[in-house]
Amino acid sequence: MYYTHLLVSLALPVLAAAAPLDYPEARALASRTENTIFRAEVRPHWLEDGHQFWYSVSTGPESKEFVLVDSVTGTVQRAATLEKLGLPPNGREVDMPVIRGTRSTGPKCHLRVLNQTKEPVELFWSDFDGQRRSYGRIQAGDARELETFAGHVWVVVNALGKPLRAFEAREGTLEVTVDGTGEPPKDPRTEKREDPRLSPDKKWRVEFRDDQPTS
């Protein structure tokens, strides 16, 4: 016990002396790395066949790359847009894996939500406190158009209140199709988080090695 107390007492002055030097270094880190770190976050979106998925990565401050992977054959296709991969431009690139509140308000933008399910859905804005404010129902086959702001988070739920999609508005015009396919967003209020790297049938798990997807 005596030796433990002695070591702690000696270490405290060293830590206290080092702290003032560490804080300025930490504050400067954000400015030095801003717009310099890319490909840092990847979330796979599994297709209905259960063995193909796509993901997007930031390749620059205002650019993205979309990648389509076949987990059976191992083939990898890369393109600047979903359309060039043969996938529908359904707004999935702005999908959020976990529902959260709005964090910022950017320029005004236009949003169009198309309901291609067989039942009515309801559109909510997730405000700055994470509370959902209803913007009305959208009947099957109908669309809702409205003005919003880049950075605002929107959630679409089915008749039972289960989230179908959650997305963050972006500048310009964003068209989002709700068709009941794809991985639904996680609701931290009601659901336990699952590993998004697992395929829907739990047979495949995505790993990345040297910036290359493996499964």
Protein backbone atom coordinates (compact mmCIF):
# COMPACT_ATOMS: atom_id res chain seq x y z
CA MET A 1 0.00 0.00 0.00
CA TYR A 2 2.85 2.40 0.81
CA TYR A 3 4.48 1.96 -2.59
CA THR A 4 1.20 2.43 -4.46
CA HIS A 5 0.53 5.71 -2.68
CA LEU A 6 4.04 6.93 -3.37
CA LEU A 7 3.80 6.26 -7.09
CA VAL A 8 0.49 8.10 -7.40
CA SER A 9 1.83 11.09 -5.51
CA LEU A 10 4.82 11.35 -7.78
CA ALA A 11 2.77 10.98 -10.95
CA LEU A 12 0.29 13.75 -10.19
CA PRO A 13 2.71 16.69 -10.64
CA VAL A 14 3.83 15.27 -13.98
CA LEU A 15 0.26 14.99 -15.26
CA ALA A 16 -0.63 18.44 -14.01
CA ALA A 17 2.36 19.95 -15.74
CA ALA A 18 1.62 18.22 -19.03
CA ALA A 19 -2.06 19.17 -19.18
CA PRO A 20 -1.66 22.85 -20.23
CA LEU A 21 0.42 21.73 -23.21
CA ASP A 22 -2.04 19.05 -24.33
CA TYR A 23 -5.18 21.18 -24.48
CA PRO A 24 -4.01 23.66 -27.15
CA GLU A 25 -2.79 20.72 -29.21
CA ALA A 26 -6.20 19.05 -28.99
CA ARG A 27 -8.04 22.25 -29.93
CA ALA A 28 -5.87 22.66 -33.01
CA LEU A 29 -6.48 19.09 -34.18
CA ALA A 30 -9.96 19.80 -35.56
CA SER A 31 -8.78 22.72 -37.71
CA ARG A 32 -5.82 20.73 -39.04
CA THR A 33 -7.93 17.71 -40.04
CA GLU A 34 -11.04 19.49 -41.32
CA ASN A 35 -11.85 18.40 -44.90
CA THR A 36 -8.79 16.13 -44.94
CA ILE A 37 -10.15 12.83 -43.60
CA PHE A 38 -12.36 10.88 -45.98
CA ARG A 39 -13.64 7.30 -46.35
CA ALA A 40 -13.90 7.25 -42.55
CA GLU A 41 -17.45 5.87 -42.25
CA VAL A 42 -19.11 3.11 -44.24
CA ARG A 43 -22.64 1.70 -43.90
CA PRO A 44 -23.79 -1.08 -46.28
CA HIS A 45 -27.28 -1.02 -47.83
CA TRP A 46 -28.34 -4.58 -48.66
CA LEU A 47 -30.38 -5.27 -51.79
CA GLU A 48 -33.38 -7.57 -51.90
CA ASP A 49 -31.37 -10.54 -53.29
CA GLY A 50 -29.60 -10.78 -49.92
CA HIS A 51 -26.05 -11.01 -51.27
CA GLN A 52 -25.47 -7.63 -52.94
CA PHE A 53 -25.03 -4.35 -51.10
CA TRP A 54 -23.93 -0.84 -51.87
CA TYR A 55 -22.34 1.88 -49.79
CA SER A 56 -21.11 5.43 -50.29
CA VAL A 57 -17.96 7.12 -49.03
CA SER A 58 -16.85 10.73 -49.03
CA THR A 59 -13.90 11.20 -51.36
CA GLY A 60 -13.60 14.95 -50.84
CA PRO A 61 -15.27 17.89 -49.16
CA GLU A 62 -18.14 17.85 -51.70
CA SER A 63 -17.77 14.54 -53.53
CA LYS A 64 -18.86 10.93 -52.99
CA GLU A 65 -18.18 7.52 -54.46
CA PHE A 66 -20.80 4.77 -54.62
CA VAL A 67 -19.70 1.13 -54.48
CA LEU A 68 -21.74 -1.98 -55.36
CA VAL A 69 -20.45 -5.29 -53.98
CA ASP A 70 -21.53 -8.87 -54.75
CA SER A 71 -20.68 -10.94 -51.68
CA VAL A 72 -20.99 -14.21 -53.62
CA THR A 73 -18.79 -13.46 -56.64
CA GLY A 74 -16.64 -10.85 -54.93
CA THR A 75 -17.09 -8.33 -57.74
CA VAL A 76 -16.86 -4.63 -56.86
CA GLN A 77 -18.22 -1.79 -58.99
CA ARG A 78 -17.52 1.89 -58.33
CA ALA A 79 -19.29 4.94 -59.74
CA ALA A 80 -20.01 8.58 -59.01
CA THR A 81 -23.78 8.03 -58.76
CA LEU A 82 -26.23 5.25 -57.93
CA GLU A 83 -27.67 5.46 -61.43
CA LYS A 84 -24.32 4.50 -62.96
CA LEU A 85 -24.36 1.37 -60.81
CA GLY A 86 -27.77 0.45 -62.21
CA LEU A 87 -29.53 1.31 -58.96
CA PRO A 88 -32.56 3.61 -58.71
CA PRO A 89 -31.90 7.18 -57.51
CA ASN A 90 -34.29 6.83 -54.58
CA GLY A 91 -32.54 9.14 -52.16
CA ARG A 92 -30.96 6.28 -50.19
CA GLU A 93 -27.66 8.15 -50.10
CA VAL A 94 -29.15 10.53 -47.52
CA ASP A 95 -30.67 7.78 -45.36
CA MET A 96 -29.85 7.75 -41.66
CA PRO A 97 -29.19 4.40 -39.94
CA VAL A 98 -30.40 5.73 -36.58
CA ILE A 99 -33.10 8.36 -36.06
CA ARG A 100 -31.95 11.54 -34.33
CA GLY A 101 -33.02 15.13 -34.00
CA THR A 102 -32.16 17.96 -36.37
CA ARG A 103 -28.79 19.51 -35.60
CA SER A 104 -28.48 22.34 -38.12
CA THR A 105 -30.46 24.59 -40.44
CA GLY A 106 -28.94 25.24 -43.84
CA PRO A 107 -30.26 26.86 -47.02
CA LYS A 108 -33.88 26.41 -48.02
CA CYS A 109 -34.46 23.36 -50.21
CA HIS A 110 -37.26 21.35 -51.83
CA LEU A 111 -38.40 17.91 -50.65
CA ARG A 112 -40.67 15.44 -52.45
CA VAL A 113 -41.70 12.21 -50.70
CA LEU A 114 -43.39 9.53 -52.84
CA ASN A 115 -45.31 6.74 -51.12
CA GLN A 116 -45.06 3.52 -53.15
CA THR A 117 -46.28 1.24 -50.37
CA LYS A 118 -49.79 -0.20 -50.29
CA GLU A 119 -50.88 1.77 -47.23
CA PRO A 120 -50.80 5.36 -45.96
CA VAL A 121 -47.61 6.62 -44.34
CA GLU A 122 -47.03 9.64 -42.13
CA LEU A 123 -44.28 12.22 -42.51
CA PHE A 124 -42.59 13.75 -39.46
CA TRP A 125 -39.96 16.40 -38.92
CA SER A 126 -37.58 15.41 -36.12
CA ASP A 127 -36.98 18.76 -34.44
CA PHE A 128 -33.92 20.01 -32.54
CA ASP A 129 -35.06 18.20 -29.38
CA GLY A 130 -35.69 14.95 -31.25
CA GLN A 131 -39.45 15.38 -30.97
CA ARG A 132 -41.44 14.40 -34.05
CA ARG A 133 -43.81 16.93 -35.56
CA SER A 134 -46.34 15.49 -38.01
CA TYR A 135 -46.64 16.94 -41.50
CA GLY A 136 -49.59 14.76 -42.37
CA ARG A 137 -50.30 11.46 -44.03
CA ILE A 138 -49.40 10.47 -47.58
CA GLN A 139 -51.83 8.03 -49.16
CA ALA A 140 -50.59 5.01 -51.14
CA GLY A 141 -49.40 6.13 -54.56
CA ASP A 142 -49.43 9.83 -53.63
CA ALA A 143 -46.58 12.27 -53.07
CA ARG A 144 -46.01 15.20 -50.71
CA GLU A 145 -43.94 18.22 -51.72
CA LEU A 146 -42.77 20.87 -49.29
CA GLU A 147 -40.07 23.41 -48.61
CA THR A 148 -37.58 22.57 -45.87
CA PHE A 149 -33.97 23.35 -44.97
CA ALA A 150 -30.76 21.45 -45.59
CA GLY A 151 -29.79 19.58 -42.44
CA HIS A 152 -33.35 19.00 -41.23
CA VAL A 153 -34.16 15.39 -40.36
CA TRP A 154 -37.35 13.74 -41.62
CA VAL A 155 -38.92 10.42 -40.64
CA VAL A 156 -41.55 8.37 -42.49
CA VAL A 157 -43.55 5.79 -40.50
CA ASN A 158 -46.22 3.26 -41.45
CA ALA A 159 -49.75 3.02 -40.06
CA LEU A 160 -48.44 1.25 -36.93
CA GLY A 161 -45.86 3.95 -36.27
CA LYS A 162 -42.88 1.83 -37.35
CA PRO A 163 -40.16 3.94 -39.03
CA LEU A 164 -39.66 3.11 -42.70
CA ARG A 165 -37.08 5.75 -43.60
CA ALA A 166 -35.22 8.58 -41.93
CA PHE A 167 -33.14 11.04 -43.90
CA GLU A 168 -31.46 14.42 -43.73
CA ALA A 169 -32.50 17.06 -46.26
CA ARG A 170 -29.79 18.47 -48.51
CA GLU A 171 -29.43 21.54 -50.70
CA GLY A 172 -31.35 21.63 -53.96
CA THR A 173 -34.18 19.20 -54.67
CA LEU A 174 -34.40 15.84 -52.93
CA GLU A 175 -36.85 13.14 -54.03
CA VAL A 176 -37.32 10.24 -51.62
CA THR A 177 -39.25 7.10 -52.49
CA VAL A 178 -40.82 5.05 -49.71
CA ASP A 179 -41.45 1.52 -50.95
CA GLY A 180 -41.00 -0.61 -47.85
CA THR A 181 -37.69 -2.08 -49.03
CA GLY A 182 -34.21 -1.58 -47.63
CA GLU A 183 -33.04 -1.52 -44.05
CA PRO A 184 -35.38 0.56 -41.88
CA PRO A 185 -33.80 3.11 -39.53
CA LYS A 186 -33.25 2.22 -35.92
CA ASP A 187 -35.33 4.06 -33.36
CA PRO A 188 -33.21 4.45 -30.21
CA ARG A 189 -36.39 4.93 -28.18
CA THR A 190 -37.80 1.50 -28.98
CA GLU A 191 -35.17 -0.72 -30.59
CA LYS A 192 -31.87 -2.30 -29.67
CA ARG A 193 -29.07 -1.56 -32.08
CA GLU A 194 -28.10 -4.34 -34.46
CA ASP A 195 -24.92 -4.70 -36.47
CA PRO A 196 -25.64 -2.91 -39.80
CA ARG A 197 -22.87 -4.93 -41.44
CA LEU A 198 -25.02 -8.09 -41.30
CA SER A 199 -27.10 -9.04 -44.35
CA PRO A 200 -30.88 -9.33 -43.79
CA ASP A 201 -30.63 -13.14 -43.61
CA LYS A 202 -27.64 -12.88 -41.19
CA LYS A 203 -25.52 -15.05 -43.52
CA TRP A 204 -23.04 -12.33 -44.54
CA ARG A 205 -21.08 -9.78 -42.56
CA VAL A 206 -19.18 -6.92 -44.18
CA GLU A 207 -15.61 -6.17 -43.12
CA PHE A 208 -13.18 -3.66 -44.64
CA ARG A 209 -9.48 -4.37 -45.06
CA ASP A 210 -7.21 -1.85 -46.71
CA ASP A 211 -10.26 0.09 -47.92
CA GLN A 212 -11.62 -3.03 -49.67
CA PRO A 213 -14.91 -4.73 -48.63
CA THR A 214 -14.78 -8.41 -47.68
CA SER A 215 -17.57 -10.67 -46.52
